[in-house]
C-alpha atoms as a PDB file:
ATOM      1  CA  MET A   1       3.508   5.398 -42.865  1.00  0.00           C
ATOM      2  CA  SER A   2      -0.121   5.092 -43.935  1.00  0.00           C
ATOM      3  CA  SER A   3      -0.995   3.074 -46.966  1.00  0.00           C
ATOM      4  CA  SER A   4      -3.270   4.405 -49.677  1.00  0.00           C
ATOM      5  CA  LYS A   5      -5.815   1.761 -48.701  1.00  0.00           C
ATOM      6  CA  GLN A   6      -5.987   3.224 -45.208  1.00  0.00           C
ATOM      7  CA  SER A   7      -5.985   6.898 -46.230  1.00  0.00           C
ATOM      8  CA  GLY A   8      -8.518   6.654 -49.098  1.00  0.00           C
ATOM      9  CA  PRO A   9     -12.205   5.792 -48.718  1.00  0.00           C
ATOM     10  CA  GLY A  10     -11.908   2.632 -50.839  1.00  0.00           C
ATOM     11  CA  PHE A  11     -14.608   3.774 -53.251  1.00  0.00           C
ATOM     12  CA  GLU A  12     -15.283   6.558 -55.753  1.00  0.00           C
ATOM     13  CA  PRO A  13     -16.655   9.595 -53.870  1.00  0.00           C
ATOM     14  CA  ALA A  14     -18.212  11.105 -56.996  1.00  0.00           C
ATOM     15  CA  ALA A  15     -20.664   8.205 -57.294  1.00  0.00           C
ATOM     16  CA  LEU A  16     -21.721   8.635 -53.674  1.00  0.00           C
ATOM     17  CA  GLU A  17     -22.110  12.402 -54.070  1.00  0.00           C
ATOM     18  CA  ALA A  18     -24.371  12.021 -57.098  1.00  0.00           C
ATOM     19  CA  PHE A  19     -26.440   9.338 -55.343  1.00  0.00           C
ATOM     20  CA  LEU A  20     -26.956  11.409 -52.198  1.00  0.00           C
ATOM     21  CA  HIS A  21     -27.931  14.570 -54.060  1.00  0.00           C
ATOM     22  CA  GLN A  22     -30.571  12.459 -55.794  1.00  0.00           C
ATOM     23  CA  SER A  23     -31.710  10.533 -52.697  1.00  0.00           C
ATOM     24  CA  VAL A  24     -31.631  13.086 -49.858  1.00  0.00           C
ATOM     25  CA  PRO A  25     -33.727  16.195 -50.534  1.00  0.00           C
ATOM     26  CA  GLY A  26     -32.301  19.645 -49.861  1.00  0.00           C
ATOM     27  CA  LEU A  27     -28.554  18.970 -49.868  1.00  0.00           C
ATOM     28  CA  SER A  28     -26.537  21.880 -51.170  1.00  0.00           C
ATOM     29  CA  GLY A  29     -22.932  22.352 -52.202  1.00  0.00           C
ATOM     30  CA  PRO A  30     -20.172  19.818 -52.812  1.00  0.00           C
ATOM     31  CA  MET A  31     -19.722  16.738 -50.634  1.00  0.00           C
ATOM     32  CA  ARG A  32     -16.745  16.473 -48.264  1.00  0.00           C
ATOM     33  CA  LEU A  33     -15.788  13.011 -47.036  1.00  0.00           C
ATOM     34  CA  GLN A  34     -13.747  12.280 -43.903  1.00  0.00           C
ATOM     35  CA  ARG A  35     -12.968   8.877 -42.365  1.00  0.00           C
ATOM     36  CA  ILE A  36     -13.822   8.684 -38.645  1.00  0.00           C
ATOM     37  CA  GLY A  37     -10.954   7.042 -36.806  1.00  0.00           C
ATOM     38  CA  GLY A  38      -9.319   3.995 -38.315  1.00  0.00           C
ATOM     39  CA  GLY A  39     -10.125   0.962 -36.192  1.00  0.00           C
ATOM     40  CA  GLN A  40     -13.858   0.547 -36.631  1.00  0.00           C
ATOM     41  CA  SER A  41     -15.105  -2.828 -37.715  1.00  0.00           C
ATOM     42  CA  ASN A  42     -17.509  -1.080 -40.084  1.00  0.00           C
ATOM     43  CA  PRO A  43     -15.779   1.861 -41.841  1.00  0.00           C
ATOM     44  CA  THR A  44     -17.453   5.113 -40.848  1.00  0.00           C
ATOM     45  CA  PHE A  45     -17.289   8.519 -42.527  1.00  0.00           C
ATOM     46  CA  PHE A  46     -18.423  12.090 -41.975  1.00  0.00           C
ATOM     47  CA  VAL A  47     -20.320  13.158 -45.110  1.00  0.00           C
ATOM     48  CA  THR A  48     -20.589  16.938 -45.079  1.00  0.00           C
ATOM     49  CA  PHE A  49     -22.467  19.323 -47.366  1.00  0.00           C
ATOM     50  CA  ASP A  50     -22.794  23.104 -47.091  1.00  0.00           C
ATOM     51  CA  ASN A  51     -26.035  22.796 -45.129  1.00  0.00           C
ATOM     52  CA  ARG A  52     -25.903  19.360 -43.522  1.00  0.00           C
ATOM     53  CA  LYS A  53     -23.518  16.949 -41.802  1.00  0.00           C
ATOM     54  CA  LEU A  54     -24.245  13.235 -42.034  1.00  0.00           C
ATOM     55  CA  VAL A  55     -22.553   9.948 -41.089  1.00  0.00           C
ATOM     56  CA  LEU A  56     -22.125   6.929 -43.375  1.00  0.00           C
ATOM     57  CA  ARG A  57     -21.378   3.376 -42.183  1.00  0.00           C
ATOM     58  CA  LYS A  58     -20.548   0.570 -44.591  1.00  0.00           C
ATOM     59  CA  GLN A  59     -19.232  -2.951 -44.627  1.00  0.00           C
ATOM     60  CA  PRO A  60     -15.420  -3.191 -44.827  1.00  0.00           C
ATOM     61  CA  GLY A  61     -15.421  -5.157 -48.083  1.00  0.00           C
ATOM     62  CA  PRO A  62     -16.858  -8.121 -49.976  1.00  0.00           C
ATOM     63  CA  ASP A  63     -14.732 -10.806 -48.305  1.00  0.00           C
ATOM     64  CA  ILE A  64     -16.491 -11.108 -44.930  1.00  0.00           C
ATOM     65  CA  LEU A  65     -17.954 -13.961 -42.938  1.00  0.00           C
ATOM     66  CA  PRO A  66     -21.681 -14.647 -43.356  1.00  0.00           C
ATOM     67  CA  GLY A  67     -23.651 -12.494 -40.923  1.00  0.00           C
ATOM     68  CA  ALA A  68     -20.657 -10.322 -39.993  1.00  0.00           C
ATOM     69  CA  HIS A  69     -20.594  -6.525 -40.362  1.00  0.00           C
ATOM     70  CA  ALA A  70     -24.380  -6.480 -40.653  1.00  0.00           C
ATOM     71  CA  VAL A  71     -24.977  -2.811 -41.422  1.00  0.00           C
ATOM     72  CA  ASP A  72     -28.501  -3.730 -42.488  1.00  0.00           C
ATOM     73  CA  ARG A  73     -29.261  -4.856 -38.927  1.00  0.00           C
ATOM     74  CA  GLU A  74     -27.719  -1.679 -37.499  1.00  0.00           C
ATOM     75  CA  ALA A  75     -30.000   0.418 -39.664  1.00  0.00           C
ATOM     76  CA  GLN A  76     -33.008  -1.791 -38.867  1.00  0.00           C
ATOM     77  CA  VAL A  77     -32.693  -1.567 -35.083  1.00  0.00           C
ATOM     78  CA  MET A  78     -32.046   2.186 -35.031  1.00  0.00           C
ATOM     79  CA  ARG A  79     -35.036   2.818 -37.265  1.00  0.00           C
ATOM     80  CA  ALA A  80     -37.184   0.638 -34.994  1.00  0.00           C
ATOM     81  CA  LEU A  81     -36.041   2.579 -31.911  1.00  0.00           C
ATOM     82  CA  ARG A  82     -36.614   6.018 -33.416  1.00  0.00           C
ATOM     83  CA  ASP A  83     -39.947   6.639 -31.643  1.00  0.00           C
ATOM     84  CA  THR A  84     -38.939   5.080 -28.306  1.00  0.00           C
ATOM     85  CA  ASP A  85     -37.132   6.696 -25.367  1.00  0.00           C
ATOM     86  CA  VAL A  86     -33.855   5.048 -26.447  1.00  0.00           C
ATOM     87  CA  PRO A  87     -31.716   7.829 -27.972  1.00  0.00           C
ATOM     88  CA  VAL A  88     -30.402   6.902 -31.428  1.00  0.00           C
ATOM     89  CA  PRO A  89     -29.410   8.912 -34.514  1.00  0.00           C
ATOM     90  CA  GLU A  90     -32.039   9.160 -37.249  1.00  0.00           C
ATOM     91  CA  VAL A  91     -31.336   6.764 -40.131  1.00  0.00           C
ATOM     92  CA  LEU A  92     -32.034   8.520 -43.444  1.00  0.00           C
ATOM     93  CA  LEU A  93     -31.504   5.650 -45.847  1.00  0.00           C
ATOM     94  CA  PHE A  94     -30.140   2.144 -46.273  1.00  0.00           C
ATOM     95  CA  HIS A  95     -28.710   1.018 -49.607  1.00  0.00           C
ATOM     96  CA  ALA A  96     -28.329  -2.726 -50.050  1.00  0.00           C
ATOM     97  CA  GLY A  97     -26.512  -2.623 -53.374  1.00  0.00           C
ATOM     98  CA  ARG A  98     -22.770  -2.574 -54.011  1.00  0.00           C
ATOM     99  CA  ASP A  99     -22.959  -0.115 -56.883  1.00  0.00           C
ATOM    100  CA  ILE A 100     -22.311   3.086 -54.922  1.00  0.00           C
ATOM    101  CA  VAL A 101     -19.540   2.426 -52.357  1.00  0.00           C
ATOM    102  CA  GLY A 102     -18.766  -1.230 -53.098  1.00  0.00           C
ATOM    103  CA  THR A 103     -20.784  -2.611 -50.172  1.00  0.00           C
ATOM    104  CA  PRO A 104     -24.166  -2.055 -48.527  1.00  0.00           C
ATOM    105  CA  PHE A 105     -24.252   1.105 -46.400  1.00  0.00           C
ATOM    106  CA  TYR A 106     -26.559   3.354 -44.438  1.00  0.00           C
ATOM    107  CA  LEU A 107     -26.675   7.082 -43.832  1.00  0.00           C
ATOM    108  CA  MET A 108     -27.673   8.749 -40.577  1.00  0.00           C
ATOM    109  CA  GLU A 109     -27.844  12.201 -39.064  1.00  0.00           C
ATOM    110  CA  CYS A 110     -24.663  13.473 -37.415  1.00  0.00           C
ATOM    111  CA  LEU A 111     -25.144  14.415 -33.772  1.00  0.00           C
ATOM    112  CA  GLU A 112     -22.880  16.804 -31.897  1.00  0.00           C
ATOM    113  CA  GLY A 113     -21.712  15.521 -28.542  1.00  0.00           C
ATOM    114  CA  ARG A 114     -18.960  13.924 -26.467  1.00  0.00           C
ATOM    115  CA  VAL A 115     -17.660  10.364 -26.787  1.00  0.00           C
ATOM    116  CA  PHE A 116     -15.256   8.967 -24.169  1.00  0.00           C
ATOM    117  CA  ALA A 117     -13.098   5.926 -24.901  1.00  0.00           C
ATOM    118  CA  SER A 118     -12.440   5.380 -21.201  1.00  0.00           C
ATOM    119  CA  TYR A 119     -14.850   4.692 -18.355  1.00  0.00           C
ATOM    120  CA  GLU A 120     -12.945   7.328 -16.380  1.00  0.00           C
ATOM    121  CA  LEU A 121     -14.745  10.010 -18.458  1.00  0.00           C
ATOM    122  CA  PRO A 122     -11.838  12.478 -18.281  1.00  0.00           C
ATOM    123  CA  GLY A 123     -12.249  16.233 -18.190  1.00  0.00           C
ATOM    124  CA  VAL A 124     -15.494  16.515 -16.227  1.00  0.00           C
ATOM    125  CA  THR A 125     -16.261  17.299 -12.583  1.00  0.00           C
ATOM    126  CA  PRO A 126     -17.063  14.509 -10.097  1.00  0.00           C
ATOM    127  CA  ALA A 127     -20.677  15.693  -9.870  1.00  0.00           C
ATOM    128  CA  GLU A 128     -21.076  15.662 -13.639  1.00  0.00           C
ATOM    129  CA  ARG A 129     -19.360  12.275 -13.875  1.00  0.00           C
ATOM    130  CA  ARG A 130     -21.781  10.782 -11.339  1.00  0.00           C
ATOM    131  CA  ALA A 131     -24.739  12.080 -13.349  1.00  0.00           C
ATOM    132  CA  MET A 132     -23.254  10.684 -16.563  1.00  0.00           C
ATOM    133  CA  TYR A 133     -22.928   7.253 -14.988  1.00  0.00           C
ATOM    134  CA  ARG A 134     -26.535   7.408 -13.867  1.00  0.00           C
ATOM    135  CA  SER A 135     -27.559   8.290 -17.419  1.00  0.00           C
ATOM    136  CA  MET A 136     -25.539   5.342 -18.789  1.00  0.00           C
ATOM    137  CA  ALA A 137     -27.346   2.909 -16.484  1.00  0.00           C
ATOM    138  CA  GLU A 138     -30.790   4.391 -17.104  1.00  0.00           C
ATOM    139  CA  THR A 139     -30.295   4.390 -20.874  1.00  0.00           C
ATOM    140  CA  LEU A 140     -29.374   0.697 -20.848  1.00  0.00           C
ATOM    141  CA  ALA A 141     -32.522  -0.035 -18.845  1.00  0.00           C
ATOM    142  CA  ARG A 142     -34.566   1.807 -21.479  1.00  0.00           C
ATOM    143  CA  VAL A 143     -33.008  -0.348 -24.202  1.00  0.00           C
ATOM    144  CA  HIS A 144     -34.131  -3.450 -22.332  1.00  0.00           C
ATOM    145  CA  ASN A 145     -37.575  -1.996 -21.605  1.00  0.00           C
ATOM    146  CA  VAL A 146     -38.452  -1.746 -25.306  1.00  0.00           C
ATOM    147  CA  ASP A 147     -41.391  -3.933 -26.351  1.00  0.00           C
ATOM    148  CA  VAL A 148     -39.868  -5.765 -29.325  1.00  0.00           C
ATOM    149  CA  ASP A 149     -43.283  -6.715 -30.706  1.00  0.00           C
ATOM    150  CA  ALA A 150     -44.467  -3.113 -30.647  1.00  0.00           C
ATOM    151  CA  VAL A 151     -41.439  -1.822 -32.580  1.00  0.00           C
ATOM    152  CA  GLY A 152     -41.344  -4.652 -35.113  1.00  0.00           C
ATOM    153  CA  LEU A 153     -38.277  -6.479 -33.792  1.00  0.00           C
ATOM    154  CA  ALA A 154     -39.888  -9.728 -32.658  1.00  0.00           C
ATOM    155  CA  ASP A 155     -37.818 -11.646 -35.234  1.00  0.00           C
ATOM    156  CA  TYR A 156     -34.562  -9.778 -34.615  1.00  0.00           C
ATOM    157  CA  GLY A 157     -32.975 -12.852 -32.980  1.00  0.00           C
ATOM    158  CA  LYS A 158     -33.611 -16.436 -31.952  1.00  0.00           C
ATOM    159  CA  PRO A 159     -35.966 -16.944 -28.980  1.00  0.00           C
ATOM    160  CA  GLY A 160     -34.895 -18.833 -25.840  1.00  0.00           C
ATOM    161  CA  ASN A 161     -31.739 -20.672 -24.728  1.00  0.00           C
ATOM    162  CA  TYR A 162     -29.658 -17.530 -25.176  1.00  0.00           C
ATOM    163  CA  PHE A 163     -26.845 -18.410 -22.776  1.00  0.00           C
ATOM    164  CA  GLN A 164     -26.692 -22.031 -23.919  1.00  0.00           C
ATOM    165  CA  ARG A 165     -26.297 -20.926 -27.535  1.00  0.00           C
ATOM    166  CA  GLN A 166     -23.776 -18.208 -26.658  1.00  0.00           C
ATOM    167  CA  ILE A 167     -21.592 -20.500 -24.540  1.00  0.00           C
ATOM    168  CA  GLY A 168     -21.569 -23.019 -27.382  1.00  0.00           C
ATOM    169  CA  ARG A 169     -20.713 -20.375 -29.944  1.00  0.00           C
ATOM    170  CA  TRP A 170     -17.858 -18.774 -28.013  1.00  0.00           C
ATOM    171  CA  GLY A 171     -16.553 -22.147 -26.840  1.00  0.00           C
ATOM    172  CA  LYS A 172     -16.368 -23.311 -30.442  1.00  0.00           C
ATOM    173  CA  GLN A 173     -14.570 -20.131 -31.429  1.00  0.00           C
ATOM    174  CA  TRP A 174     -12.018 -20.690 -28.652  1.00  0.00           C
ATOM    175  CA  GLN A 175     -11.342 -24.220 -29.848  1.00  0.00           C
ATOM    176  CA  GLN A 176     -10.947 -23.078 -33.445  1.00  0.00           C
ATOM    177  CA  THR A 177      -8.582 -20.184 -32.715  1.00  0.00           C
ATOM    178  CA  LYS A 178      -6.603 -21.578 -29.760  1.00  0.00           C
ATOM    179  CA  VAL A 179      -2.863 -21.083 -30.159  1.00  0.00           C
ATOM    180  CA  ARG A 180      -1.868 -21.537 -26.495  1.00  0.00           C
ATOM    181  CA  ASP A 181      -3.122 -23.101 -23.291  1.00  0.00           C
ATOM    182  CA  ASN A 182      -5.489 -21.203 -21.023  1.00  0.00           C
ATOM    183  CA  ALA A 183      -6.495 -23.356 -18.060  1.00  0.00           C
ATOM    184  CA  ALA A 184      -8.793 -20.656 -16.648  1.00  0.00           C
ATOM    185  CA  LEU A 185     -10.755 -20.476 -19.880  1.00  0.00           C
ATOM    186  CA  GLU A 186     -11.095 -24.244 -20.019  1.00  0.00           C
ATOM    187  CA  ARG A 187     -12.465 -24.191 -16.484  1.00  0.00           C
ATOM    188  CA  LEU A 188     -15.054 -21.584 -17.486  1.00  0.00           C
ATOM    189  CA  LEU A 189     -16.180 -23.766 -20.365  1.00  0.00           C
ATOM    190  CA  GLN A 190     -16.881 -26.544 -17.873  1.00  0.00           C
ATOM    191  CA  TRP A 191     -18.557 -24.353 -15.243  1.00  0.00           C
ATOM    192  CA  LEU A 192     -20.799 -22.115 -17.356  1.00  0.00           C
ATOM    193  CA  PRO A 193     -23.120 -24.738 -18.962  1.00  0.00           C
ATOM    194  CA  ASP A 194     -23.875 -26.247 -15.551  1.00  0.00           C
ATOM    195  CA  ASN A 195     -24.760 -22.934 -13.920  1.00  0.00           C
ATOM    196  CA  ILE A 196     -27.110 -21.202 -16.369  1.00  0.00           C
ATOM    197  CA  PRO A 197     -29.914 -19.522 -14.373  1.00  0.00           C
ATOM    198  CA  ASP A 198     -33.453 -20.663 -15.046  1.00  0.00           C
ATOM    199  CA  SER A 199     -34.692 -17.641 -16.962  1.00  0.00           C
ATOM    200  CA  GLU A 200     -36.248 -17.030 -20.360  1.00  0.00           C
ATOM    201  CA  ALA A 201     -36.038 -13.233 -20.217  1.00  0.00           C
ATOM    202  CA  SER A 202     -35.453 -11.746 -23.646  1.00  0.00           C
ATOM    203  CA  GLY A 203     -35.224  -8.299 -25.146  1.00  0.00           C
ATOM    204  CA  ILE A 204     -33.028  -6.100 -27.284  1.00  0.00           C
ATOM    205  CA  ALA A 205     -29.402  -6.732 -26.330  1.00  0.00           C
ATOM    206  CA  HIS A 206     -26.944  -4.150 -27.619  1.00  0.00           C
ATOM    207  CA  GLY A 207     -24.010  -6.557 -27.360  1.00  0.00           C
ATOM    208  CA  ASP A 208     -21.302  -3.923 -26.874  1.00  0.00           C
ATOM    209  CA  TYR A 209     -22.810  -1.437 -24.432  1.00  0.00           C
ATOM    210  CA  ARG A 210     -19.840   0.483 -23.037  1.00  0.00           C
ATOM    211  CA  ALA A 211     -18.734   4.068 -22.538  1.00  0.00           C
ATOM    212  CA  GLY A 212     -17.024   4.275 -25.941  1.00  0.00           C
ATOM    213  CA  ASN A 213     -20.262   3.472 -27.769  1.00  0.00           C
ATOM    214  CA  LEU A 214     -22.271   6.239 -26.124  1.00  0.00           C
ATOM    215  CA  MET A 215     -22.514   9.912 -27.044  1.00  0.00           C
ATOM    216  CA  PHE A 216     -23.148  12.460 -24.313  1.00  0.00           C
ATOM    217  CA  HIS A 217     -24.694  15.905 -24.727  1.00  0.00           C
ATOM    218  CA  PRO A 218     -22.062  18.601 -25.478  1.00  0.00           C
ATOM    219  CA  THR A 219     -22.560  20.257 -22.088  1.00  0.00           C
ATOM    220  CA  GLU A 220     -25.171  18.266 -20.129  1.00  0.00           C
ATOM    221  CA  PRO A 221     -24.407  14.987 -18.287  1.00  0.00           C
ATOM    222  CA  ARG A 222     -26.779  12.773 -20.274  1.00  0.00           C
ATOM    223  CA  VAL A 223     -26.576  10.222 -23.058  1.00  0.00           C
ATOM    224  CA  ILE A 224     -27.963  11.544 -26.349  1.00  0.00           C
ATOM    225  CA  ALA A 225     -27.154   8.540 -28.560  1.00  0.00           C
ATOM    226  CA  VAL A 226     -26.410   4.840 -28.289  1.00  0.00           C
ATOM    227  CA  LEU A 227     -24.048   3.969 -31.148  1.00  0.00           C
ATOM    228  CA  ASP A 228     -22.557   0.905 -32.868  1.00  0.00           C
ATOM    229  CA  TRP A 229     -25.400  -1.638 -32.892  1.00  0.00           C
ATOM    230  CA  GLU A 230     -23.386  -4.138 -34.959  1.00  0.00           C
ATOM    231  CA  LEU A 231     -23.595  -6.913 -32.324  1.00  0.00           C
ATOM    232  CA  SER A 232     -27.215  -6.278 -31.312  1.00  0.00           C
ATOM    233  CA  THR A 233     -29.767  -9.076 -31.257  1.00  0.00           C
ATOM    234  CA  LEU A 234     -32.552 -10.446 -29.098  1.00  0.00           C
ATOM    235  CA  GLY A 235     -30.854 -11.746 -25.988  1.00  0.00           C
ATOM    236  CA  HIS A 236     -30.854 -11.817 -22.223  1.00  0.00           C
ATOM    237  CA  PRO A 237     -30.785  -8.282 -20.764  1.00  0.00           C
ATOM    238  CA  LEU A 238     -28.524  -9.296 -17.876  1.00  0.00           C
ATOM    239  CA  ALA A 239     -25.809 -10.354 -20.331  1.00  0.00           C
ATOM    240  CA  ASP A 240     -25.775  -6.719 -21.507  1.00  0.00           C
ATOM    241  CA  LEU A 241     -25.748  -5.337 -17.960  1.00  0.00           C
ATOM    242  CA  ALA A 242     -22.915  -7.624 -16.837  1.00  0.00           C
ATOM    243  CA  TYR A 243     -20.847  -6.798 -19.919  1.00  0.00           C
ATOM    244  CA  HIS A 244     -21.334  -3.096 -19.210  1.00  0.00           C
ATOM    245  CA  CYS A 245     -20.094  -3.653 -15.641  1.00  0.00           C
ATOM    246  CA  VAL A 246     -16.893  -5.507 -16.571  1.00  0.00           C
ATOM    247  CA  ALA A 247     -14.923  -2.270 -16.037  1.00  0.00           C
ATOM    248  CA  TRP A 248     -15.351  -2.653 -12.254  1.00  0.00           C
ATOM    249  CA  HIS A 249     -13.603  -6.038 -12.424  1.00  0.00           C
ATOM    250  CA  THR A 250     -10.498  -4.989 -14.375  1.00  0.00           C
ATOM    251  CA  ALA A 251      -7.720  -2.441 -13.860  1.00  0.00           C
ATOM    252  CA  ARG A 252      -6.918   0.633 -15.932  1.00  0.00           C
ATOM    253  CA  GLU A 253      -4.117  -1.160 -17.778  1.00  0.00           C
ATOM    254  CA  GLU A 254      -6.465  -4.080 -18.425  1.00  0.00           C
ATOM    255  CA  TYR A 255      -8.488  -2.363 -21.137  1.00  0.00           C
ATOM    256  CA  TYR A 256      -9.807   0.780 -19.440  1.00  0.00           C
ATOM    257  CA  GLY A 257     -10.920  -0.832 -16.195  1.00  0.00           C
ATOM    258  CA  LEU A 258     -11.762   0.896 -12.908  1.00  0.00           C
ATOM    259  CA  ARG A 259     -10.420  -1.657 -10.425  1.00  0.00           C
ATOM    260  CA  GLY A 260      -8.078  -0.088  -7.882  1.00  0.00           C
ATOM    261  CA  LEU A 261      -9.171   3.516  -8.501  1.00  0.00           C
ATOM    262  CA  ASP A 262     -10.535   5.774  -5.754  1.00  0.00           C
ATOM    263  CA  LEU A 263     -13.975   5.891  -7.323  1.00  0.00           C
ATOM    264  CA  ALA A 264     -15.726   8.066  -4.759  1.00  0.00           C
ATOM    265  CA  SER A 265     -13.222  10.896  -5.122  1.00  0.00           C
ATOM    266  CA  VAL A 266     -13.910  11.240  -8.860  1.00  0.00           C
ATOM    267  CA  GLY A 267     -17.656  10.712  -8.764  1.00  0.00           C
ATOM    268  CA  ILE A 268     -17.772   7.166 -10.140  1.00  0.00           C
ATOM    269  CA  PRO A 269     -20.343   4.948  -8.386  1.00  0.00           C
ATOM    270  CA  THR A 270     -19.566   1.518  -7.035  1.00  0.00           C
ATOM    271  CA  GLU A 271     -20.714  -1.365  -9.187  1.00  0.00           C
ATOM    272  CA  ALA A 272     -23.598  -1.999  -6.786  1.00  0.00           C
ATOM    273  CA  GLU A 273     -24.707   1.656  -6.988  1.00  0.00           C
ATOM    274  CA  HIS A 274     -24.530   1.590 -10.782  1.00  0.00           C
ATOM    275  CA  ILE A 275     -26.591  -1.579 -10.962  1.00  0.00           C
ATOM    276  CA  ALA A 276     -29.131  -0.014  -8.588  1.00  0.00           C
ATOM    277  CA  ASP A 277     -29.430   2.950 -10.974  1.00  0.00           C
ATOM    278  CA  TYR A 278     -30.258   0.455 -13.737  1.00  0.00           C
ATOM    279  CA  TYR A 279     -32.909  -1.349 -11.706  1.00  0.00           C
ATOM    280  CA  ARG A 280     -34.631   1.902 -10.745  1.00  0.00           C
ATOM    281  CA  VAL A 281     -35.627   2.328 -14.396  1.00  0.00           C
ATOM    282  CA  SER A 282     -35.758  -1.292 -15.571  1.00  0.00           C
ATOM    283  CA  LYS A 283     -39.113  -3.004 -15.917  1.00  0.00           C
ATOM    284  CA  ARG A 284     -37.274  -6.284 -15.287  1.00  0.00           C
ATOM    285  CA  GLN A 285     -36.326  -7.047 -11.701  1.00  0.00           C
ATOM    286  CA  GLU A 286     -34.648 -10.438 -12.096  1.00  0.00           C
ATOM    287  CA  PRO A 287     -31.451 -10.061 -10.005  1.00  0.00           C
ATOM    288  CA  ILE A 288     -28.076 -10.173 -11.677  1.00  0.00           C
ATOM    289  CA  GLN A 289     -25.946 -13.123 -10.519  1.00  0.00           C
ATOM    290  CA  THR A 290     -22.317 -14.203 -10.495  1.00  0.00           C
ATOM    291  CA  PHE A 291     -23.054 -16.296 -13.583  1.00  0.00           C
ATOM    292  CA  HIS A 292     -23.775 -13.208 -15.667  1.00  0.00           C
ATOM    293  CA  PHE A 293     -20.456 -11.575 -14.784  1.00  0.00           C
ATOM    294  CA  VAL A 294     -18.561 -14.830 -15.376  1.00  0.00           C
ATOM    295  CA  PHE A 295     -20.213 -15.168 -18.768  1.00  0.00           C
ATOM    296  CA  ALA A 296     -19.368 -11.565 -19.717  1.00  0.00           C
ATOM    297  CA  LEU A 297     -15.708 -11.997 -18.767  1.00  0.00           C
ATOM    298  CA  PHE A 298     -15.589 -15.357 -20.582  1.00  0.00           C
ATOM    299  CA  ARG A 299     -16.923 -13.844 -23.792  1.00  0.00           C
ATOM    300  CA  ILE A 300     -14.391 -11.013 -23.743  1.00  0.00           C
ATOM    301  CA  ALA A 301     -11.585 -13.447 -22.918  1.00  0.00           C
ATOM    302  CA  VAL A 302     -12.391 -15.495 -26.020  1.00  0.00           C
ATOM    303  CA  ILE A 303     -12.392 -12.333 -28.147  1.00  0.00           C
ATOM    304  CA  PHE A 304      -8.961 -11.397 -26.812  1.00  0.00           C
ATOM    305  CA  GLU A 305      -7.678 -14.932 -27.391  1.00  0.00           C
ATOM    306  CA  GLY A 306      -8.814 -14.579 -30.988  1.00  0.00           C
ATOM    307  CA  ILE A 307      -6.811 -11.371 -31.282  1.00  0.00           C
ATOM    308  CA  ALA A 308      -3.793 -13.203 -29.872  1.00  0.00           C
ATOM    309  CA  ALA A 309      -4.233 -15.953 -32.450  1.00  0.00           C
ATOM    310  CA  ARG A 310      -4.353 -13.473 -35.325  1.00  0.00           C
ATOM    311  CA  ALA A 311      -1.283 -11.690 -33.960  1.00  0.00           C
ATOM    312  CA  LYS A 312       0.638 -14.964 -33.855  1.00  0.00           C
ATOM    313  CA  GLN A 313      -0.406 -15.718 -37.418  1.00  0.00           C
ATOM    314  CA  GLY A 314       0.678 -12.233 -38.518  1.00  0.00           C
ATOM    315  CA  ILE A 315      -2.772 -11.192 -39.733  1.00  0.00           C
ATOM    316  CA  ALA A 316      -3.815  -8.876 -36.911  1.00  0.00           C
ATOM    317  CA  VAL A 317      -5.269  -5.490 -37.866  1.00  0.00           C
ATOM    318  CA  ALA A 318      -4.175  -3.414 -34.880  1.00  0.00           C
ATOM    319  CA  ASP A 319      -0.532  -2.656 -34.109  1.00  0.00           C
ATOM    320  CA  ASN A 320      -1.027  -3.580 -30.448  1.00  0.00           C
ATOM    321  CA  ALA A 321      -2.837  -6.855 -31.166  1.00  0.00           C
ATOM    322  CA  GLU A 322      -0.258  -9.025 -29.429  1.00  0.00           C
ATOM    323  CA  GLN A 323      -0.362  -6.889 -26.294  1.00  0.00           C
ATOM    324  CA  VAL A 324      -4.178  -6.777 -26.268  1.00  0.00           C
ATOM    325  CA  GLY A 325      -4.357 -10.507 -26.964  1.00  0.00           C
ATOM    326  CA  ARG A 326      -2.629 -11.242 -23.649  1.00  0.00           C
ATOM    327  CA  LEU A 327      -5.730  -9.915 -21.920  1.00  0.00           C
ATOM    328  CA  GLY A 328      -7.480 -13.191 -22.698  1.00  0.00           C
ATOM    329  CA  GLY A 329      -5.636 -14.690 -19.753  1.00  0.00           C
ATOM    330  CA  VAL A 330      -6.427 -11.709 -17.514  1.00  0.00           C
ATOM    331  CA  PHE A 331     -10.170 -11.700 -18.197  1.00  0.00           C
ATOM    332  CA  SER A 332     -10.573 -15.467 -17.861  1.00  0.00           C
ATOM    333  CA  GLN A 333      -8.686 -15.359 -14.547  1.00  0.00           C
ATOM    334  CA  ARG A 334     -10.965 -12.572 -13.276  1.00  0.00           C
ATOM    335  CA  ALA A 335     -13.935 -14.817 -14.060  1.00  0.00           C
ATOM    336  CA  VAL A 336     -12.384 -17.747 -12.184  1.00  0.00           C
ATOM    337  CA  GLU A 337     -11.856 -15.470  -9.166  1.00  0.00           C
ATOM    338  CA  LEU A 338     -15.614 -14.768  -9.117  1.00  0.00           C
ATOM    339  CA  ILE A 339     -16.377 -18.496  -9.168  1.00  0.00           C
ATOM    340  CA  ASP A 340     -13.933 -19.162  -6.344  1.00  0.00           C
ATOM    341  CA  ARG A 341     -15.740 -16.609  -4.140  1.00  0.00           C
ATOM    342  CA  LEU A 342     -19.002 -18.546  -4.314  1.00  0.00           C
END
């Protein structure tokens, strides 16, 4: 049974309707509001008028951690990318006040296309699937090719020492949320700081670049929008690439992985082929290393361990939190396997 909190928008739609008619020229007819899904970190809604369909994203509520659910940063980065070759929806407005929907929010154009939760991209031909994978890789390269100074994002994150800061951050989170032993994760915390590559490369890092955060053209095998920029910052591009490639290291039952599938028969490239597609477009040719994959798996493992902790405390949001939380052990073990192959 759904609660009223889940089924309702959590704010007064009439106030939003009046605000939008005043703020967005040319809207006609009454506003219709529909929640998109139910598990998003930032609540997202279709906002439909007789002549226009829009999308609204807002913070979940006032009681959030500092810096979390930064819808202002989402709007900022998409606006900055509007005139680049990175496909993003057009942001129409950002409202910082809490007077309309209870939290800051932004409004963007609604694009029509296909979004796939799974890397298997079901329902398409092998030839189309291969082209879609190529488009995924090329689009990520275009994100990393953006000149942050030219688009006004030079101060979008801290410069330098990206991996050092990230390892410290996620290691601290693991220590704070730990509710069980994970020897593999402890080993990663010892190995990672001693094996950071000597590189100061920096650019826009999406932070959650995966199939489920991309929209494909309704009929063509190409990405038309990169979505959900909540975790974006200035960071090392190869952290993004390795995170995107985690699917090749995990099985289907391990959070939509590809490991063990007959990839060639369904048109999915090998990991090496996919990475080559990225480098064909990337202006950066620094080679990806085992470290980057270990770091990506480590980061996800800590996130899953956090889910496990919340499930044990009885404060998890998702119904399958306990099951998903067990993946912390799986992902950390996959990372250890990569180290042992060196």
